[in-house]
PDB file of N, CA and C in Angstrom:
ATOM      1  N   MET A   1      96.674  53.132 156.766  1.00  0.00           N
ATOM      2  CA  MET A   1      96.651  52.575 155.607  1.00  0.00           C
ATOM      3  C   MET A   1      96.310  50.977 155.264  1.00  0.00           C
ATOM      4  N   ALA A   2      95.708  50.270 154.537  1.00  0.00           N
ATOM      5  CA  ALA A   2      95.702  49.034 153.978  1.00  0.00           C
ATOM      6  C   ALA A   2      96.507  49.279 153.456  1.00  0.00           C
ATOM      7  N   SER A   3      97.866  47.557 152.902  1.00  0.00           N
ATOM      8  CA  SER A   3      98.759  47.450 152.220  1.00  0.00           C
ATOM      9  C   SER A   3      97.913  46.373 150.652  1.00  0.00           C
ATOM     10  N   SER A   4      98.370  47.328 149.772  1.00  0.00           N
ATOM     11  CA  SER A   4      97.364  46.493 148.660  1.00  0.00           C
ATOM     12  C   SER A   4      98.512  45.000 147.935  1.00  0.00           C
ATOM     13  N   LYS A   5      97.763  44.281 147.296  1.00  0.00           N
ATOM     14  CA  LYS A   5      98.316  43.639 146.367  1.00  0.00           C
ATOM     15  C   LYS A   5      99.326  43.591 145.660  1.00  0.00           C
ATOM     16  N   PRO A   6     100.501  43.205 145.584  1.00  0.00           N
ATOM     17  CA  PRO A   6     101.887  43.568 144.639  1.00  0.00           C
ATOM     18  C   PRO A   6     100.611  42.936 143.321  1.00  0.00           C
ATOM     19  N   LEU A   7     101.754  44.205 142.479  1.00  0.00           N
ATOM     20  CA  LEU A   7     101.247  43.542 141.573  1.00  0.00           C
ATOM     21  C   LEU A   7     101.918  42.041 140.544  1.00  0.00           C
ATOM     22  N   HIS A   8     101.137  42.118 139.409  1.00  0.00           N
ATOM     23  CA  HIS A   8     101.221  40.414 138.717  1.00  0.00           C
ATOM     24  C   HIS A   8     101.714  40.826 138.159  1.00  0.00           C
ATOM     25  N   PHE A   9     103.321  40.409 136.949  1.00  0.00           N
ATOM     26  CA  PHE A   9     103.863  40.607 135.623  1.00  0.00           C
ATOM     27  C   PHE A   9     103.941  39.523 134.936  1.00  0.00           C
ATOM     28  N   VAL A  10     103.433  39.283 134.122  1.00  0.00           N
ATOM     29  CA  VAL A  10     103.689  38.120 133.496  1.00  0.00           C
ATOM     30  C   VAL A  10     104.570  37.943 132.265  1.00  0.00           C
ATOM     31  N   THR A  11     105.978  37.056 131.630  1.00  0.00           N
ATOM     32  CA  THR A  11     106.253  37.828 130.592  1.00  0.00           C
ATOM     33  C   THR A  11     107.089  36.577 130.430  1.00  0.00           C
ATOM     34  N   LEU A  12     107.538  36.091 129.025  1.00  0.00           N
ATOM     35  CA  LEU A  12     108.436  34.232 128.527  1.00  0.00           C
ATOM     36  C   LEU A  12     108.933  34.140 129.335  1.00  0.00           C
ATOM     37  N   GLY A  13     108.716  32.799 129.478  1.00  0.00           N
ATOM     38  CA  GLY A  13     109.795  31.543 130.093  1.00  0.00           C
ATOM     39  C   GLY A  13     110.551  31.198 129.147  1.00  0.00           C
ATOM     40  N   PRO A  14     111.006  30.428 129.354  1.00  0.00           N
ATOM     41  CA  PRO A  14     111.786  29.863 131.387  1.00  0.00           C
ATOM     42  C   PRO A  14     112.699  30.644 131.697  1.00  0.00           C
ATOM     43  N   ALA A  15     112.311  29.797 132.524  1.00  0.00           N
ATOM     44  CA  ALA A  15     113.697  31.250 133.542  1.00  0.00           C
ATOM     45  C   ALA A  15     115.182  31.372 132.872  1.00  0.00           C
ATOM     46  N   GLY A  16     115.870  32.349 132.893  1.00  0.00           N
ATOM     47  CA  GLY A  16     116.352  32.822 132.323  1.00  0.00           C
ATOM     48  C   GLY A  16     116.728  33.768 130.722  1.00  0.00           C
ATOM     49  N   THR A  17     115.152  33.887 130.226  1.00  0.00           N
ATOM     50  CA  THR A  17     115.052  34.642 129.085  1.00  0.00           C
ATOM     51  C   THR A  17     115.584  36.255 129.935  1.00  0.00           C
ATOM     52  N   ASN A  18     115.884  36.570 127.852  1.00  0.00           N
ATOM     53  CA  ASN A  18     115.907  38.131 128.423  1.00  0.00           C
ATOM     54  C   ASN A  18     114.653  38.667 129.413  1.00  0.00           C
ATOM     55  N   HIS A  19     113.803  38.527 129.016  1.00  0.00           N
ATOM     56  CA  HIS A  19     112.111  38.603 129.370  1.00  0.00           C
ATOM     57  C   HIS A  19     112.227  39.292 130.637  1.00  0.00           C
ATOM     58  N   GLU A  20     112.727  37.595 130.972  1.00  0.00           N
ATOM     59  CA  GLU A  20     112.520  37.503 132.781  1.00  0.00           C
ATOM     60  C   GLU A  20     113.436  38.530 133.125  1.00  0.00           C
ATOM     61  N   LEU A  21     114.758  39.027 132.469  1.00  0.00           N
ATOM     62  CA  LEU A  21     115.735  39.818 133.134  1.00  0.00           C
ATOM     63  C   LEU A  21     115.309  40.930 132.818  1.00  0.00           C
ATOM     64  N   ALA A  22     114.889  41.834 131.725  1.00  0.00           N
ATOM     65  CA  ALA A  22     114.059  42.844 131.342  1.00  0.00           C
ATOM     66  C   ALA A  22     112.661  43.340 132.342  1.00  0.00           C
ATOM     67  N   THR A  23     112.269  41.962 132.617  1.00  0.00           N
ATOM     68  CA  THR A  23     111.222  42.514 133.682  1.00  0.00           C
ATOM     69  C   THR A  23     110.687  42.550 134.835  1.00  0.00           C
ATOM     70  N   GLU A  24     112.635  42.004 135.164  1.00  0.00           N
ATOM     71  CA  GLU A  24     113.030  42.388 136.892  1.00  0.00           C
ATOM     72  C   GLU A  24     113.922  43.698 137.086  1.00  0.00           C
ATOM     73  N   ARG A  25     114.147  44.077 135.646  1.00  0.00           N
ATOM     74  CA  ARG A  25     115.086  45.198 135.902  1.00  0.00           C
ATOM     75  C   ARG A  25     113.651  46.123 135.778  1.00  0.00           C
ATOM     76  N   TYR A  26     112.645  46.442 134.835  1.00  0.00           N
ATOM     77  CA  TYR A  26     111.924  46.997 134.974  1.00  0.00           C
ATOM     78  C   TYR A  26     110.973  47.308 136.602  1.00  0.00           C
ATOM     79  N   ILE A  27     110.931  46.584 137.016  1.00  0.00           N
ATOM     80  CA  ILE A  27     109.829  46.508 138.525  1.00  0.00           C
ATOM     81  C   ILE A  27     111.038  47.011 139.217  1.00  0.00           C
ATOM     82  N   ALA A  28     112.519  46.500 139.109  1.00  0.00           N
ATOM     83  CA  ALA A  28     113.475  47.626 140.065  1.00  0.00           C
ATOM     84  C   ALA A  28     113.220  48.191 139.867  1.00  0.00           C
ATOM     85  N   PHE A  29     113.136  49.169 138.556  1.00  0.00           N
ATOM     86  CA  PHE A  29     113.729  50.908 138.186  1.00  0.00           C
ATOM     87  C   PHE A  29     112.685  51.484 138.962  1.00  0.00           C
ATOM     88  N   HIS A  30     111.126  50.601 138.837  1.00  0.00           N
ATOM     89  CA  HIS A  30     109.943  51.696 139.129  1.00  0.00           C
ATOM     90  C   HIS A  30     110.495  51.528 140.746  1.00  0.00           C
ATOM     91  N   LYS A  31     110.369  50.338 141.703  1.00  0.00           N
ATOM     92  CA  LYS A  31     110.640  49.867 142.729  1.00  0.00           C
ATOM     93  C   LYS A  31     109.152  49.781 143.190  1.00  0.00           C
ATOM     94  N   LEU A  32     108.480  48.910 142.285  1.00  0.00           N
ATOM     95  CA  LEU A  32     107.452  48.403 142.256  1.00  0.00           C
ATOM     96  C   LEU A  32     107.754  47.063 143.546  1.00  0.00           C
ATOM     97  N   ASP A  33     106.134  46.857 143.988  1.00  0.00           N
ATOM     98  CA  ASP A  33     105.972  45.333 145.118  1.00  0.00           C
ATOM     99  C   ASP A  33     105.651  44.565 143.890  1.00  0.00           C
ATOM    100  N   ALA A  34     105.647  43.733 143.346  1.00  0.00           N
ATOM    101  CA  ALA A  34     105.756  43.024 142.198  1.00  0.00           C
ATOM    102  C   ALA A  34     105.786  41.623 141.486  1.00  0.00           C
ATOM    103  N   ARG A  35     105.127  40.462 141.399  1.00  0.00           N
ATOM    104  CA  ARG A  35     105.214  39.324 141.574  1.00  0.00           C
ATOM    105  C   ARG A  35     105.507  38.987 139.850  1.00  0.00           C
ATOM    106  N   VAL A  36     106.255  38.211 138.776  1.00  0.00           N
ATOM    107  CA  VAL A  36     106.431  37.765 137.986  1.00  0.00           C
ATOM    108  C   VAL A  36     105.851  36.216 137.605  1.00  0.00           C
ATOM    109  N   SER A  37     105.309  35.884 136.748  1.00  0.00           N
ATOM    110  CA  SER A  37     105.284  34.691 136.296  1.00  0.00           C
ATOM    111  C   SER A  37     105.301  34.691 134.915  1.00  0.00           C
ATOM    112  N   LEU A  38     106.129  33.387 134.730  1.00  0.00           N
ATOM    113  CA  LEU A  38     106.786  32.665 133.354  1.00  0.00           C
ATOM    114  C   LEU A  38     105.522  31.888 132.874  1.00  0.00           C
ATOM    115  N   ILE A  39     105.494  32.696 131.503  1.00  0.00           N
ATOM    116  CA  ILE A  39     104.888  32.203 130.560  1.00  0.00           C
ATOM    117  C   ILE A  39     104.833  31.183 129.047  1.00  0.00           C
ATOM    118  N   ASP A  40     103.891  30.239 128.681  1.00  0.00           N
ATOM    119  CA  ASP A  40     105.074  29.632 127.133  1.00  0.00           C
ATOM    120  C   ASP A  40     104.680  31.329 125.495  1.00  0.00           C
ATOM    121  N   ASP A  41     104.132  31.416 126.197  1.00  0.00           N
ATOM    122  CA  ASP A  41     103.050  31.805 125.041  1.00  0.00           C
ATOM    123  C   ASP A  41     102.929  33.978 125.460  1.00  0.00           C
ATOM    124  N   PHE A  42     103.385  34.955 124.937  1.00  0.00           N
ATOM    125  CA  PHE A  42     102.311  36.290 125.256  1.00  0.00           C
ATOM    126  C   PHE A  42     100.967  36.295 124.541  1.00  0.00           C
ATOM    127  N   PHE A  43      99.916  35.259 123.885  1.00  0.00           N
ATOM    128  CA  PHE A  43      98.832  35.531 124.422  1.00  0.00           C
ATOM    129  C   PHE A  43      98.307  34.969 125.149  1.00  0.00           C
ATOM    130  N   ASP A  44      98.613  33.549 126.173  1.00  0.00           N
ATOM    131  CA  ASP A  44      98.186  33.643 126.931  1.00  0.00           C
ATOM    132  C   ASP A  44      98.347  34.597 128.011  1.00  0.00           C
ATOM    133  N   GLY A  45      99.437  35.384 127.996  1.00  0.00           N
ATOM    134  CA  GLY A  45      99.498  36.605 128.881  1.00  0.00           C
ATOM    135  C   GLY A  45      98.552  37.728 128.747  1.00  0.00           C
ATOM    136  N   LEU A  46      97.976  37.712 127.553  1.00  0.00           N
ATOM    137  CA  LEU A  46      97.249  38.794 126.586  1.00  0.00           C
ATOM    138  C   LEU A  46      95.420  38.721 127.549  1.00  0.00           C
ATOM    139  N   ARG A  47      95.326  36.956 127.374  1.00  0.00           N
ATOM    140  CA  ARG A  47      93.861  36.876 128.147  1.00  0.00           C
ATOM    141  C   ARG A  47      93.303  36.748 129.202  1.00  0.00           C
ATOM    142  N   MET A  48      94.934  36.216 130.426  1.00  0.00           N
ATOM    143  CA  MET A  48      95.465  36.753 131.570  1.00  0.00           C
ATOM    144  C   MET A  48      95.151  37.983 132.237  1.00  0.00           C
ATOM    145  N   MET A  49      95.573  39.042 131.230  1.00  0.00           N
ATOM    146  CA  MET A  49      94.827  40.067 131.808  1.00  0.00           C
ATOM    147  C   MET A  49      94.102  40.400 131.424  1.00  0.00           C
ATOM    148  N   HIS A  50      92.929  39.922 130.337  1.00  0.00           N
ATOM    149  CA  HIS A  50      91.712  40.307 129.675  1.00  0.00           C
ATOM    150  C   HIS A  50      91.092  40.168 130.737  1.00  0.00           C
ATOM    151  N   ALA A  51      91.328  38.867 131.706  1.00  0.00           N
ATOM    152  CA  ALA A  51      90.974  38.269 132.945  1.00  0.00           C
ATOM    153  C   ALA A  51      91.107  38.631 133.871  1.00  0.00           C
ATOM    154  N   ALA A  52      91.678  40.142 133.544  1.00  0.00           N
ATOM    155  CA  ALA A  52      91.791  39.848 135.220  1.00  0.00           C
ATOM    156  C   ALA A  52      92.968  39.486 136.118  1.00  0.00           C
ATOM    157  N   GLN A  53      93.850  38.192 135.854  1.00  0.00           N
ATOM    158  CA  GLN A  53      94.833  37.634 136.338  1.00  0.00           C
ATOM    159  C   GLN A  53      96.079  37.863 136.110  1.00  0.00           C
ATOM    160  N   ALA A  54      96.449  38.904 135.383  1.00  0.00           N
ATOM    161  CA  ALA A  54      97.597  39.845 135.449  1.00  0.00           C
ATOM    162  C   ALA A  54      97.372  41.017 135.499  1.00  0.00           C
ATOM    163  N   ASP A  55      98.326  41.812 135.661  1.00  0.00           N
ATOM    164  CA  ASP A  55      97.986  43.155 135.726  1.00  0.00           C
ATOM    165  C   ASP A  55      99.147  43.747 134.243  1.00  0.00           C
ATOM    166  N   HIS A  56     100.214  43.494 134.008  1.00  0.00           N
ATOM    167  CA  HIS A  56     101.158  44.050 133.370  1.00  0.00           C
ATOM    168  C   HIS A  56     102.073  43.154 132.329  1.00  0.00           C
ATOM    169  N   VAL A  57     101.949  42.965 130.887  1.00  0.00           N
ATOM    170  CA  VAL A  57     102.461  42.172 130.394  1.00  0.00           C
ATOM    171  C   VAL A  57     103.818  42.370 129.478  1.00  0.00           C
ATOM    172  N   ILE A  58     104.923  42.425 129.914  1.00  0.00           N
ATOM    173  CA  ILE A  58     106.468  43.115 129.130  1.00  0.00           C
ATOM    174  C   ILE A  58     107.000  41.876 128.577  1.00  0.00           C
ATOM    175  N   GLN A  59     106.927  42.010 127.127  1.00  0.00           N
ATOM    176  CA  GLN A  59     107.644  41.705 125.983  1.00  0.00           C
ATOM    177  C   GLN A  59     108.938  42.552 125.343  1.00  0.00           C
ATOM    178  N   VAL A  60     109.974  41.574 125.125  1.00  0.00           N
ATOM    179  CA  VAL A  60     111.127  42.280 124.599  1.00  0.00           C
ATOM    180  C   VAL A  60     110.782  41.918 123.238  1.00  0.00           C
ATOM    181  N   ALA A  61     111.240  43.220 122.410  1.00  0.00           N
ATOM    182  CA  ALA A  61     110.445  43.877 121.460  1.00  0.00           C
ATOM    183  C   ALA A  61     111.197  43.236 120.106  1.00  0.00           C
ATOM    184  N   VAL A  62     112.141  42.270 120.023  1.00  0.00           N
ATOM    185  CA  VAL A  62     112.725  41.578 119.144  1.00  0.00           C
ATOM    186  C   VAL A  62     112.466  40.555 119.447  1.00  0.00           C
ATOM    187  N   HIS A  63     111.231  39.985 119.842  1.00  0.00           N
ATOM    188  CA  HIS A  63     110.830  39.202 120.036  1.00  0.00           C
ATOM    189  C   HIS A  63     109.958  38.393 118.409  1.00  0.00           C
ATOM    190  N   THR A  64     110.021  37.344 118.203  1.00  0.00           N
ATOM    191  CA  THR A  64     109.280  36.951 116.747  1.00  0.00           C
ATOM    192  C   THR A  64     107.895  37.359 116.946  1.00  0.00           C
ATOM    193  N   ASP A  65     106.994  37.587 117.328  1.00  0.00           N
ATOM    194  CA  ASP A  65     105.990  37.856 118.011  1.00  0.00           C
ATOM    195  C   ASP A  65     105.281  39.124 118.239  1.00  0.00           C
ATOM    196  N   CYS A  66     106.254  40.263 118.296  1.00  0.00           N
ATOM    197  CA  CYS A  66     106.036  40.923 118.215  1.00  0.00           C
ATOM    198  C   CYS A  66     105.164  41.986 117.709  1.00  0.00           C
ATOM    199  N   ALA A  67     105.168  41.990 116.888  1.00  0.00           N
ATOM    200  CA  ALA A  67     103.754  42.854 115.268  1.00  0.00           C
ATOM    201  C   ALA A  67     102.757  42.187 115.751  1.00  0.00           C
ATOM    202  N   ASP A  68     102.430  41.174 116.185  1.00  0.00           N
ATOM    203  CA  ASP A  68     100.785  40.653 116.562  1.00  0.00           C
ATOM    204  C   ASP A  68     100.827  41.022 117.890  1.00  0.00           C
ATOM    205  N   VAL A  69     101.472  40.502 119.026  1.00  0.00           N
ATOM    206  CA  VAL A  69     101.256  40.574 120.119  1.00  0.00           C
ATOM    207  C   VAL A  69     100.492  42.270 120.440  1.00  0.00           C
ATOM    208  N   VAL A  70     101.537  43.232 119.751  1.00  0.00           N
ATOM    209  CA  VAL A  70     101.011  44.217 119.942  1.00  0.00           C
ATOM    210  C   VAL A  70      99.834  44.638 119.089  1.00  0.00           C
ATOM    211  N   ALA A  71      99.152  44.066 118.144  1.00  0.00           N
ATOM    212  CA  ALA A  71      98.642  44.086 117.135  1.00  0.00           C
ATOM    213  C   ALA A  71      97.264  44.146 118.065  1.00  0.00           C
ATOM    214  N   ARG A  72      97.281  42.496 118.541  1.00  0.00           N
ATOM    215  CA  ARG A  72      96.325  42.015 119.128  1.00  0.00           C
ATOM    216  C   ARG A  72      95.952  42.716 120.297  1.00  0.00           C
ATOM    217  N   THR A  73      96.853  43.229 121.660  1.00  0.00           N
ATOM    218  CA  THR A  73      96.620  43.619 122.577  1.00  0.00           C
ATOM    219  C   THR A  73      95.915  44.649 122.837  1.00  0.00           C
ATOM    220  N   HIS A  74      95.790  45.698 121.176  1.00  0.00           N
ATOM    221  CA  HIS A  74      94.755  46.709 121.083  1.00  0.00           C
ATOM    222  C   HIS A  74      93.282  46.370 120.294  1.00  0.00           C
ATOM    223  N   PHE A  75      93.799  45.174 119.366  1.00  0.00           N
ATOM    224  CA  PHE A  75      92.391  45.042 119.109  1.00  0.00           C
ATOM    225  C   PHE A  75      91.795  44.545 119.622  1.00  0.00           C
ATOM    226  N   ASP A  76      92.157  43.125 119.913  1.00  0.00           N
ATOM    227  CA  ASP A  76      91.240  42.055 120.142  1.00  0.00           C
ATOM    228  C   ASP A  76      91.164  41.768 121.890  1.00  0.00           C
ATOM    229  N   PHE A  77      92.283  42.872 122.849  1.00  0.00           N
ATOM    230  CA  PHE A  77      91.757  43.229 123.520  1.00  0.00           C
ATOM    231  C   PHE A  77      91.418  43.940 124.760  1.00  0.00           C
ATOM    232  N   GLY A  78      91.527  44.930 123.473  1.00  0.00           N
ATOM    233  CA  GLY A  78      91.253  46.454 124.344  1.00  0.00           C
ATOM    234  C   GLY A  78      91.902  46.899 125.573  1.00  0.00           C
ATOM    235  N   ILE A  79      93.649  46.385 125.191  1.00  0.00           N
ATOM    236  CA  ILE A  79      94.596  46.789 126.255  1.00  0.00           C
ATOM    237  C   ILE A  79      95.331  47.728 125.692  1.00  0.00           C
ATOM    238  N   ARG A  80      96.169  48.429 127.086  1.00  0.00           N
ATOM    239  CA  ARG A  80      96.663  50.468 125.948  1.00  0.00           C
ATOM    240  C   ARG A  80      97.987  50.089 126.444  1.00  0.00           C
ATOM    241  N   ILE A  81      99.129  50.078 125.824  1.00  0.00           N
ATOM    242  CA  ILE A  81     100.377  49.761 126.142  1.00  0.00           C
ATOM    243  C   ILE A  81     100.720  51.232 126.836  1.00  0.00           C
ATOM    244  N   ILE A  82     101.500  51.381 127.243  1.00  0.00           N
ATOM    245  CA  ILE A  82     101.294  52.292 128.841  1.00  0.00           C
ATOM    246  C   ILE A  82     102.761  52.404 128.907  1.00  0.00           C
ATOM    247  N   ASP A  83     103.757  52.045 128.172  1.00  0.00           N
ATOM    248  CA  ASP A  83     105.458  52.036 128.473  1.00  0.00           C
ATOM    249  C   ASP A  83     106.476  51.470 127.457  1.00  0.00           C
ATOM    250  N   THR A  84     106.872  51.623 127.281  1.00  0.00           N
ATOM    251  CA  THR A  84     108.354  51.416 125.997  1.00  0.00           C
ATOM    252  C   THR A  84     109.698  51.758 127.492  1.00  0.00           C
ATOM    253  N   PHE A  85     110.834  51.184 126.985  1.00  0.00           N
ATOM    254  CA  PHE A  85     112.004  51.514 127.466  1.00  0.00           C
ATOM    255  C   PHE A  85     112.857  50.295 126.540  1.00  0.00           C
ATOM    256  N   ILE A  86     114.170  51.151 127.143  1.00  0.00           N
ATOM    257  CA  ILE A  86     115.383  50.334 126.721  1.00  0.00           C
ATOM    258  C   ILE A  86     116.149  49.670 127.738  1.00  0.00           C
ATOM    259  N   SER A  87     116.779  48.806 127.620  1.00  0.00           N
ATOM    260  CA  SER A  87     116.585  47.149 128.664  1.00  0.00           C
ATOM    261  C   SER A  87     118.232  46.796 128.869  1.00  0.00           C
ATOM    262  N   PRO A  88     119.222  47.032 128.865  1.00  0.00           N
ATOM    263  CA  PRO A  88     120.522  45.860 128.102  1.00  0.00           C
ATOM    264  C   PRO A  88     120.010  44.334 128.598  1.00  0.00           C
ATOM    265  N   SER A  89     120.750  43.540 127.512  1.00  0.00           N
ATOM    266  CA  SER A  89     120.190  42.061 127.793  1.00  0.00           C
ATOM    267  C   SER A  89     121.277  41.417 127.853  1.00  0.00           C
ATOM    268  N   LYS A  90     120.984  40.405 127.758  1.00  0.00           N
ATOM    269  CA  LYS A  90     121.972  38.781 127.726  1.00  0.00           C
ATOM    270  C   LYS A  90     122.527  39.416 126.307  1.00  0.00           C
ATOM    271  N   ASP A  91     123.764  38.345 126.344  1.00  0.00           N
ATOM    272  CA  ASP A  91     124.516  38.340 124.814  1.00  0.00           C
ATOM    273  C   ASP A  91     123.572  37.013 124.286  1.00  0.00           C
ATOM    274  N   LEU A  92     123.719  37.784 122.653  1.00  0.00           N
ATOM    275  CA  LEU A  92     123.349  36.862 121.962  1.00  0.00           C
ATOM    276  C   LEU A  92     123.941  37.003 120.352  1.00  0.00           C
ATOM    277  N   ALA A  93     123.974  35.922 120.434  1.00  0.00           N
ATOM    278  CA  ALA A  93     124.793  35.797 118.927  1.00  0.00           C
ATOM    279  C   ALA A  93     123.882  34.365 118.121  1.00  0.00           C
ATOM    280  N   ILE A  94     123.532  34.834 116.762  1.00  0.00           N
ATOM    281  CA  ILE A  94     123.016  33.908 116.073  1.00  0.00           C
ATOM    282  C   ILE A  94     124.012  33.664 114.412  1.00  0.00           C
ATOM    283  N   LEU A  95     124.843  32.241 114.703  1.00  0.00           N
ATOM    284  CA  LEU A  95     125.509  31.624 114.107  1.00  0.00           C
ATOM    285  C   LEU A  95     125.063  31.432 113.096  1.00  0.00           C
ATOM    286  N   THR A  96     126.023  31.212 111.670  1.00  0.00           N
ATOM    287  CA  THR A  96     125.371  30.909 110.279  1.00  0.00           C
ATOM    288  C   THR A  96     126.494  30.341 110.286  1.00  0.00           C
ATOM    289  N   ARG A  97     126.732  29.051 108.903  1.00  0.00           N
ATOM    290  CA  ARG A  97     127.497  28.332 108.480  1.00  0.00           C
ATOM    291  C   ARG A  97     127.033  28.523 107.036  1.00  0.00           C
ATOM    292  N   ALA A  98     128.018  28.444 106.309  1.00  0.00           N
ATOM    293  CA  ALA A  98     127.526  28.678 104.519  1.00  0.00           C
ATOM    294  C   ALA A  98     127.689  27.002 104.334  1.00  0.00           C
ATOM    295  N   ASP A  99     127.852  26.170 104.869  1.00  0.00           N
ATOM    296  CA  ASP A  99     127.684  24.793 104.365  1.00  0.00           C
ATOM    297  C   ASP A  99     126.385  23.438 105.399  1.00  0.00           C
ATOM    298  N   VAL A 100     125.293  24.429 105.606  1.00  0.00           N
ATOM    299  CA  VAL A 100     123.960  24.376 106.626  1.00  0.00           C
ATOM    300  C   VAL A 100     122.952  25.192 105.080  1.00  0.00           C
ATOM    301  N   ALA A 101     122.212  24.827 104.170  1.00  0.00           N
ATOM    302  CA  ALA A 101     121.085  24.918 103.470  1.00  0.00           C
ATOM    303  C   ALA A 101     119.912  25.757 104.293  1.00  0.00           C
ATOM    304  N   GLU A 102     119.600  24.838 105.705  1.00  0.00           N
ATOM    305  CA  GLU A 102     118.201  24.614 105.920  1.00  0.00           C
ATOM    306  C   GLU A 102     118.693  24.622 107.145  1.00  0.00           C
ATOM    307  N   PRO A 103     119.240  25.732 107.951  1.00  0.00           N
ATOM    308  CA  PRO A 103     119.493  25.623 109.733  1.00  0.00           C
ATOM    309  C   PRO A 103     118.535  24.648 110.814  1.00  0.00           C
ATOM    310  N   LEU A 104     118.593  24.425 111.479  1.00  0.00           N
ATOM    311  CA  LEU A 104     117.586  23.452 112.357  1.00  0.00           C
ATOM    312  C   LEU A 104     117.195  24.374 113.274  1.00  0.00           C
ATOM    313  N   SER A 105     118.409  24.759 114.055  1.00  0.00           N
ATOM    314  CA  SER A 105     118.433  25.280 115.380  1.00  0.00           C
ATOM    315  C   SER A 105     118.794  26.056 115.771  1.00  0.00           C
ATOM    316  N   LEU A 106     119.051  26.863 116.710  1.00  0.00           N
ATOM    317  CA  LEU A 106     119.717  28.160 117.651  1.00  0.00           C
ATOM    318  C   LEU A 106     120.817  27.384 118.581  1.00  0.00           C
ATOM    319  N   ALA A 107     121.891  27.992 118.982  1.00  0.00           N
ATOM    320  CA  ALA A 107     122.605  27.527 119.978  1.00  0.00           C
ATOM    321  C   ALA A 107     122.749  28.566 120.963  1.00  0.00           C
ATOM    322  N   LEU A 108     122.282  28.844 122.060  1.00  0.00           N
ATOM    323  CA  LEU A 108     122.486  29.930 123.712  1.00  0.00           C
ATOM    324  C   LEU A 108     124.023  29.414 123.856  1.00  0.00           C
TER     325      LEU A 108
END
């Protein structure tokens, strides 16, 4: 039996993000032979899928571009969403201060 090449997943980088964590957990859960590439922009990932340079894009749903990515996945690229799942994430907190009128940064 011929061996097939590993599936190619793409998700948002840099290394250590919740996107990477969720992708690695998804691959492990399904026991897939896969590699992961980290990208700077989800729309780059969609273009990679459309050009057959990637097999799957995984996006954590709380990402600010989620609604746009879902819409463009279907309407602009003809790619279908095939799975959704709940994955534990790294601890995350957004802190605010009453004395800061226009916050300029987030801390990890």
